[in-house]
Amino acid sequence: MGVIEIIGVAGSVSLLAGWRLYLCIFATGLAMRLGVLPLPEHLESLSVLANPWVMGIAALAALAEFFADKVMWLDSLWDTVHTAIRPVGGALLALAIVDPSDPATQVIAFLLGGGASFLAHGGKASARAVVNTSPEPVSNIAVSSVEDVATMGLLWLAYENPLAAGAVALVLLALTVALLLWARRVIKRLFFRVPKAEGVGRGMP
């Protein structure tokens, strides 16, 4: 793969790790274990994800996240705990994707991967906090399920088609920024309402 494709794959995986870090690790390891995802030579460092111990721990963590992410407010608590974990995980995944013989590229990948994961995590956590203001649990479960399906589908697309990975990364980045802006507007409207002046609406001057 060329530089653009490598950046696209690294960006896509990092952004998706900001949503579902453990699912990204487990799904990648499982695909490699089953031979569905043959890695090119420069991605051989990702083969550690196919280690049975790594897969087992990632599967248990992904299962815990699957259920925690569908319970109102527990999902926000889970997101808070993972504020540091997801960016570091995304940075390490990005680091494993780039050419290990180029230290400068690895440093850049680590920084950008961590930043992308942190941005995606922030968008997800902010959006879920807004969804939690709804009294019914259906919307919470629906949003979480969409995130599960989208993570699996986009992760497969990023690895299967490196040319599409760049487009996936750009779409995820745009979606993350949109979620952050939307959550900011909603939170501002809910908690920072400007009180009406006294007498307004009562016919008083």
C-alpha atoms as a PDB file:
ATOM      1  CA  MET A   1       0.000   0.000   0.000  1.00  0.00           C
ATOM      2  CA  GLY A   2       1.039   3.561  -0.619  1.00  0.00           C
ATOM      3  CA  VAL A   3       1.332   6.326   1.955  1.00  0.00           C
ATOM      4  CA  ILE A   4      -2.227   7.539   1.372  1.00  0.00           C
ATOM      5  CA  GLU A   5      -3.691   4.072   1.878  1.00  0.00           C
ATOM      6  CA  ILE A   6      -1.634   3.508   5.039  1.00  0.00           C
ATOM      7  CA  ILE A   7      -2.768   6.854   6.459  1.00  0.00           C
ATOM      8  CA  GLY A   8      -6.361   5.989   5.554  1.00  0.00           C
ATOM      9  CA  VAL A   9      -6.248   2.612   7.306  1.00  0.00           C
ATOM     10  CA  ALA A  10      -4.506   4.047  10.366  1.00  0.00           C
ATOM     11  CA  GLY A  11      -6.956   6.947  10.549  1.00  0.00           C
ATOM     12  CA  SER A  12     -10.012   4.726  10.159  1.00  0.00           C
ATOM     13  CA  VAL A  13      -8.877   2.221  12.783  1.00  0.00           C
ATOM     14  CA  SER A  14      -7.918   4.987  15.230  1.00  0.00           C
ATOM     15  CA  LEU A  15     -11.270   6.737  14.863  1.00  0.00           C
ATOM     16  CA  LEU A  16     -13.186   3.479  15.250  1.00  0.00           C
ATOM     17  CA  ALA A  17     -11.128   2.642  18.341  1.00  0.00           C
ATOM     18  CA  GLY A  18     -12.509   5.820  19.860  1.00  0.00           C
ATOM     19  CA  TRP A  19     -15.955   4.200  19.607  1.00  0.00           C
ATOM     20  CA  ARG A  20     -15.241   0.537  20.266  1.00  0.00           C
ATOM     21  CA  LEU A  21     -11.615  -0.142  21.151  1.00  0.00           C
ATOM     22  CA  TYR A  22     -12.055  -3.717  22.367  1.00  0.00           C
ATOM     23  CA  LEU A  23     -14.300  -4.671  19.457  1.00  0.00           C
ATOM     24  CA  CYS A  24     -11.699  -3.342  17.011  1.00  0.00           C
ATOM     25  CA  ILE A  25      -8.967  -5.391  18.677  1.00  0.00           C
ATOM     26  CA  PHE A  26     -11.021  -8.591  18.870  1.00  0.00           C
ATOM     27  CA  ALA A  27     -12.502  -8.327  15.355  1.00  0.00           C
ATOM     28  CA  THR A  28      -9.083  -7.706  13.805  1.00  0.00           C
ATOM     29  CA  GLY A  29      -7.516 -10.608  15.703  1.00  0.00           C
ATOM     30  CA  LEU A  30     -10.389 -12.957  14.823  1.00  0.00           C
ATOM     31  CA  ALA A  31     -10.228 -12.056  11.138  1.00  0.00           C
ATOM     32  CA  MET A  32      -6.513 -12.785  11.078  1.00  0.00           C
ATOM     33  CA  ARG A  33      -6.995 -16.006  13.040  1.00  0.00           C
ATOM     34  CA  LEU A  34      -9.561 -17.270  10.529  1.00  0.00           C
ATOM     35  CA  GLY A  35      -7.469 -16.195   7.554  1.00  0.00           C
ATOM     36  CA  VAL A  36     -10.108 -13.727   6.424  1.00  0.00           C
ATOM     37  CA  LEU A  37      -7.674 -10.858   6.829  1.00  0.00           C
ATOM     38  CA  PRO A  38      -4.282 -11.740   5.332  1.00  0.00           C
ATOM     39  CA  LEU A  39      -1.937  -8.988   6.410  1.00  0.00           C
ATOM     40  CA  PRO A  40       0.564  -7.456   4.007  1.00  0.00           C
ATOM     41  CA  GLU A  41       4.179  -7.535   5.123  1.00  0.00           C
ATOM     42  CA  HIS A  42       4.203  -4.036   6.615  1.00  0.00           C
ATOM     43  CA  LEU A  43       1.202  -4.867   8.836  1.00  0.00           C
ATOM     44  CA  GLU A  44       2.714  -8.006  10.347  1.00  0.00           C
ATOM     45  CA  SER A  45       3.093  -6.232  13.690  1.00  0.00           C
ATOM     46  CA  LEU A  46      -0.693  -6.399  14.005  1.00  0.00           C
ATOM     47  CA  SER A  47      -0.448 -10.199  14.182  1.00  0.00           C
ATOM     48  CA  VAL A  48      -0.117  -9.874  17.960  1.00  0.00           C
ATOM     49  CA  LEU A  49      -3.852  -9.183  17.998  1.00  0.00           C
ATOM     50  CA  ALA A  50      -4.424 -12.793  16.904  1.00  0.00           C
ATOM     51  CA  ASN A  51      -2.749 -14.062  20.072  1.00  0.00           C
ATOM     52  CA  PRO A  52      -5.318 -16.186  21.987  1.00  0.00           C
ATOM     53  CA  TRP A  53      -4.688 -14.322  25.239  1.00  0.00           C
ATOM     54  CA  VAL A  54      -5.080 -10.922  23.585  1.00  0.00           C
ATOM     55  CA  MET A  55      -8.234 -12.076  21.800  1.00  0.00           C
ATOM     56  CA  GLY A  56      -9.680 -13.583  24.983  1.00  0.00           C
ATOM     57  CA  ILE A  57      -9.177 -10.439  27.049  1.00  0.00           C
ATOM     58  CA  ALA A  58     -10.445  -8.240  24.203  1.00  0.00           C
ATOM     59  CA  ALA A  59     -13.533 -10.459  23.804  1.00  0.00           C
ATOM     60  CA  LEU A  60     -14.403 -10.241  27.506  1.00  0.00           C
ATOM     61  CA  ALA A  61     -13.881  -6.466  27.495  1.00  0.00           C
ATOM     62  CA  ALA A  62     -15.926  -6.092  24.295  1.00  0.00           C
ATOM     63  CA  LEU A  63     -18.745  -8.161  25.824  1.00  0.00           C
ATOM     64  CA  ALA A  64     -18.732  -6.016  28.967  1.00  0.00           C
ATOM     65  CA  GLU A  65     -18.757  -2.876  26.841  1.00  0.00           C
ATOM     66  CA  PHE A  66     -21.593  -4.251  24.694  1.00  0.00           C
ATOM     67  CA  PHE A  67     -23.913  -4.460  27.705  1.00  0.00           C
ATOM     68  CA  ALA A  68     -22.631  -1.435  29.626  1.00  0.00           C
ATOM     69  CA  ASP A  69     -23.062   0.752  26.555  1.00  0.00           C
ATOM     70  CA  LYS A  70     -26.783  -0.004  26.396  1.00  0.00           C
ATOM     71  CA  VAL A  71     -27.666   0.962  29.977  1.00  0.00           C
ATOM     72  CA  MET A  72     -28.658   4.573  30.527  1.00  0.00           C
ATOM     73  CA  TRP A  73     -25.931   6.579  32.324  1.00  0.00           C
ATOM     74  CA  LEU A  74     -23.812   3.462  32.812  1.00  0.00           C
ATOM     75  CA  ASP A  75     -22.623   4.070  29.255  1.00  0.00           C
ATOM     76  CA  SER A  76     -21.516   7.592  30.205  1.00  0.00           C
ATOM     77  CA  LEU A  77     -19.684   6.234  33.242  1.00  0.00           C
ATOM     78  CA  TRP A  78     -17.995   3.658  30.993  1.00  0.00           C
ATOM     79  CA  ASP A  79     -17.020   6.414  28.547  1.00  0.00           C
ATOM     80  CA  THR A  80     -15.564   8.487  31.379  1.00  0.00           C
ATOM     81  CA  VAL A  81     -13.403   5.594  32.566  1.00  0.00           C
ATOM     82  CA  HIS A  82     -12.156   5.062  28.991  1.00  0.00           C
ATOM     83  CA  THR A  83     -11.279   8.693  28.313  1.00  0.00           C
ATOM     84  CA  ALA A  84      -7.575   7.818  28.559  1.00  0.00           C
ATOM     85  CA  ILE A  85      -7.754   4.149  27.518  1.00  0.00           C
ATOM     86  CA  ARG A  86      -9.311   4.568  24.063  1.00  0.00           C
ATOM     87  CA  PRO A  87      -6.915   7.282  22.813  1.00  0.00           C
ATOM     88  CA  VAL A  88      -3.894   5.259  23.938  1.00  0.00           C
ATOM     89  CA  GLY A  89      -5.320   2.112  22.334  1.00  0.00           C
ATOM     90  CA  GLY A  90      -6.075   3.944  19.095  1.00  0.00           C
ATOM     91  CA  ALA A  91      -2.576   5.421  19.072  1.00  0.00           C
ATOM     92  CA  LEU A  92      -0.998   1.978  19.517  1.00  0.00           C
ATOM     93  CA  LEU A  93      -3.134   0.500  16.732  1.00  0.00           C
ATOM     94  CA  ALA A  94      -2.088   3.318  14.404  1.00  0.00           C
ATOM     95  CA  LEU A  95       1.517   2.778  15.450  1.00  0.00           C
ATOM     96  CA  ALA A  96       1.301  -0.910  14.527  1.00  0.00           C
ATOM     97  CA  ILE A  97       0.024  -0.087  11.045  1.00  0.00           C
ATOM     98  CA  VAL A  98       2.830   2.196   9.848  1.00  0.00           C
ATOM     99  CA  ASP A  99       6.284   1.105   8.695  1.00  0.00           C
ATOM    100  CA  PRO A 100       8.376   0.286  11.801  1.00  0.00           C
ATOM    101  CA  SER A 101      11.594   1.180   9.962  1.00  0.00           C
ATOM    102  CA  ASP A 102      10.639   4.871   9.913  1.00  0.00           C
ATOM    103  CA  PRO A 103      10.740   6.286  13.486  1.00  0.00           C
ATOM    104  CA  ALA A 104       9.497   9.736  12.394  1.00  0.00           C
ATOM    105  CA  THR A 105       6.424   8.242  10.741  1.00  0.00           C
ATOM    106  CA  GLN A 106       5.755   6.135  13.829  1.00  0.00           C
ATOM    107  CA  VAL A 107       5.840   9.187  16.104  1.00  0.00           C
ATOM    108  CA  ILE A 108       3.472  11.032  13.772  1.00  0.00           C
ATOM    109  CA  ALA A 109       1.155   8.006  13.594  1.00  0.00           C
ATOM    110  CA  PHE A 110       1.139   7.658  17.384  1.00  0.00           C
ATOM    111  CA  LEU A 111       0.260  11.323  17.917  1.00  0.00           C
ATOM    112  CA  LEU A 112      -2.331  11.525  15.150  1.00  0.00           C
ATOM    113  CA  GLY A 113      -3.818   8.134  16.071  1.00  0.00           C
ATOM    114  CA  GLY A 114      -4.204   9.164  19.690  1.00  0.00           C
ATOM    115  CA  GLY A 115      -5.703  12.493  18.674  1.00  0.00           C
ATOM    116  CA  ALA A 116      -8.158  10.854  16.282  1.00  0.00           C
ATOM    117  CA  SER A 117      -9.244   8.320  18.908  1.00  0.00           C
ATOM    118  CA  PHE A 118      -9.661  11.043  21.514  1.00  0.00           C
ATOM    119  CA  LEU A 119     -11.746  13.128  19.103  1.00  0.00           C
ATOM    120  CA  ALA A 120     -13.951  10.158  18.211  1.00  0.00           C
ATOM    121  CA  HIS A 121     -14.301   9.247  21.888  1.00  0.00           C
ATOM    122  CA  GLY A 122     -15.299  12.814  22.702  1.00  0.00           C
ATOM    123  CA  GLY A 123     -17.944  12.859  19.977  1.00  0.00           C
ATOM    124  CA  LYS A 124     -19.367   9.521  21.096  1.00  0.00           C
ATOM    125  CA  ALA A 125     -19.378  10.387  24.802  1.00  0.00           C
ATOM    126  CA  SER A 126     -20.957  13.799  24.209  1.00  0.00           C
ATOM    127  CA  ALA A 127     -23.673  12.385  21.955  1.00  0.00           C
ATOM    128  CA  ARG A 128     -24.492   9.598  24.406  1.00  0.00           C
ATOM    129  CA  ALA A 129     -24.730  12.084  27.276  1.00  0.00           C
ATOM    130  CA  VAL A 130     -27.343  13.973  25.268  1.00  0.00           C
ATOM    131  CA  VAL A 131     -29.227  10.776  24.404  1.00  0.00           C
ATOM    132  CA  ASN A 132     -29.302   9.911  28.109  1.00  0.00           C
ATOM    133  CA  THR A 133     -31.409  12.992  28.793  1.00  0.00           C
ATOM    134  CA  SER A 134     -34.286  11.134  27.132  1.00  0.00           C
ATOM    135  CA  PRO A 135     -36.358   9.290  29.772  1.00  0.00           C
ATOM    136  CA  GLU A 136     -36.937   6.173  27.661  1.00  0.00           C
ATOM    137  CA  PRO A 137     -34.207   3.529  27.144  1.00  0.00           C
ATOM    138  CA  VAL A 138     -35.042   2.602  23.539  1.00  0.00           C
ATOM    139  CA  SER A 139     -33.073   5.418  21.919  1.00  0.00           C
ATOM    140  CA  ASN A 140     -30.020   4.522  24.004  1.00  0.00           C
ATOM    141  CA  ILE A 141     -30.111   0.879  22.938  1.00  0.00           C
ATOM    142  CA  ALA A 142     -30.746   1.825  19.299  1.00  0.00           C
ATOM    143  CA  VAL A 143     -27.811   4.249  19.140  1.00  0.00           C
ATOM    144  CA  SER A 144     -25.489   1.724  20.797  1.00  0.00           C
ATOM    145  CA  SER A 145     -26.545  -1.019  18.365  1.00  0.00           C
ATOM    146  CA  VAL A 146     -25.922   1.273  15.394  1.00  0.00           C
ATOM    147  CA  GLU A 147     -22.426   1.961  16.755  1.00  0.00           C
ATOM    148  CA  ASP A 148     -21.750  -1.793  17.038  1.00  0.00           C
ATOM    149  CA  VAL A 149     -22.825  -2.516  13.465  1.00  0.00           C
ATOM    150  CA  ALA A 150     -21.110   0.559  12.026  1.00  0.00           C
ATOM    151  CA  THR A 151     -17.832  -0.271  13.781  1.00  0.00           C
ATOM    152  CA  MET A 152     -17.779  -3.822  12.412  1.00  0.00           C
ATOM    153  CA  GLY A 153     -18.758  -2.785   8.883  1.00  0.00           C
ATOM    154  CA  LEU A 154     -16.390   0.166   8.615  1.00  0.00           C
ATOM    155  CA  LEU A 155     -13.515  -1.775  10.166  1.00  0.00           C
ATOM    156  CA  TRP A 156     -13.958  -4.545   7.593  1.00  0.00           C
ATOM    157  CA  LEU A 157     -14.119  -1.974   4.781  1.00  0.00           C
ATOM    158  CA  ALA A 158     -10.986  -0.199   5.977  1.00  0.00           C
ATOM    159  CA  TYR A 159      -8.932  -3.420   6.006  1.00  0.00           C
ATOM    160  CA  GLU A 160     -10.492  -4.943   2.887  1.00  0.00           C
ATOM    161  CA  ASN A 161     -10.233  -1.864   0.696  1.00  0.00           C
ATOM    162  CA  PRO A 162      -7.346   0.458   1.620  1.00  0.00           C
ATOM    163  CA  LEU A 163      -8.415   2.961  -1.039  1.00  0.00           C
ATOM    164  CA  ALA A 164     -11.797   3.291   0.649  1.00  0.00           C
ATOM    165  CA  ALA A 165     -10.179   3.568   4.082  1.00  0.00           C
ATOM    166  CA  GLY A 166      -9.266   7.202   3.480  1.00  0.00           C
ATOM    167  CA  ALA A 167     -12.865   8.029   2.610  1.00  0.00           C
ATOM    168  CA  VAL A 168     -14.041   6.116   5.683  1.00  0.00           C
ATOM    169  CA  ALA A 169     -11.669   8.135   7.870  1.00  0.00           C
ATOM    170  CA  LEU A 170     -12.910  11.428   6.423  1.00  0.00           C
ATOM    171  CA  VAL A 171     -16.553  10.425   6.911  1.00  0.00           C
ATOM    172  CA  LEU A 172     -15.874   9.348  10.501  1.00  0.00           C
ATOM    173  CA  LEU A 173     -14.014  12.588  11.176  1.00  0.00           C
ATOM    174  CA  ALA A 174     -16.874  14.666   9.768  1.00  0.00           C
ATOM    175  CA  LEU A 175     -19.404  12.642  11.766  1.00  0.00           C
ATOM    176  CA  THR A 176     -17.385  13.085  14.955  1.00  0.00           C
ATOM    177  CA  VAL A 177     -17.179  16.855  14.508  1.00  0.00           C
ATOM    178  CA  ALA A 178     -20.910  16.986  13.731  1.00  0.00           C
ATOM    179  CA  LEU A 179     -21.690  14.989  16.905  1.00  0.00           C
ATOM    180  CA  LEU A 180     -19.559  17.327  19.007  1.00  0.00           C
ATOM    181  CA  LEU A 181     -21.250  20.431  17.583  1.00  0.00           C
ATOM    182  CA  TRP A 182     -24.713  18.889  17.970  1.00  0.00           C
ATOM    183  CA  ALA A 183     -24.051  17.848  21.561  1.00  0.00           C
ATOM    184  CA  ARG A 184     -22.681  21.301  22.361  1.00  0.00           C
ATOM    185  CA  ARG A 185     -25.816  22.994  21.034  1.00  0.00           C
ATOM    186  CA  VAL A 186     -28.159  20.626  22.881  1.00  0.00           C
ATOM    187  CA  ILE A 187     -26.273  20.860  26.192  1.00  0.00           C
ATOM    188  CA  LYS A 188     -26.142  24.640  25.903  1.00  0.00           C
ATOM    189  CA  ARG A 189     -29.898  24.749  25.263  1.00  0.00           C
ATOM    190  CA  LEU A 190     -30.653  22.404  28.192  1.00  0.00           C
ATOM    191  CA  PHE A 191     -28.403  23.811  30.877  1.00  0.00           C
ATOM    192  CA  PHE A 192     -27.609  27.369  29.896  1.00  0.00           C
ATOM    193  CA  ARG A 193     -30.986  28.845  29.085  1.00  0.00           C
ATOM    194  CA  VAL A 194     -31.178  32.602  29.365  1.00  0.00           C
ATOM    195  CA  PRO A 195     -33.956  33.465  31.871  1.00  0.00           C
ATOM    196  CA  LYS A 196     -36.706  35.678  30.569  1.00  0.00           C
ATOM    197  CA  ALA A 197     -36.772  39.218  31.894  1.00  0.00           C
ATOM    198  CA  GLU A 198     -39.295  39.775  34.684  1.00  0.00           C
ATOM    199  CA  GLY A 199     -42.627  40.925  33.364  1.00  0.00           C
ATOM    200  CA  VAL A 200     -42.102  39.655  29.838  1.00  0.00           C
ATOM    201  CA  GLY A 201     -45.224  37.936  28.561  1.00  0.00           C
ATOM    202  CA  ARG A 202     -47.439  39.530  31.229  1.00  0.00           C
ATOM    203  CA  GLY A 203     -48.228  42.677  29.357  1.00  0.00           C
ATOM    204  CA  MET A 204     -45.949  44.769  31.575  1.00  0.00           C
ATOM    205  CA  PRO A 205     -43.681  47.434  30.006  1.00  0.00           C
END
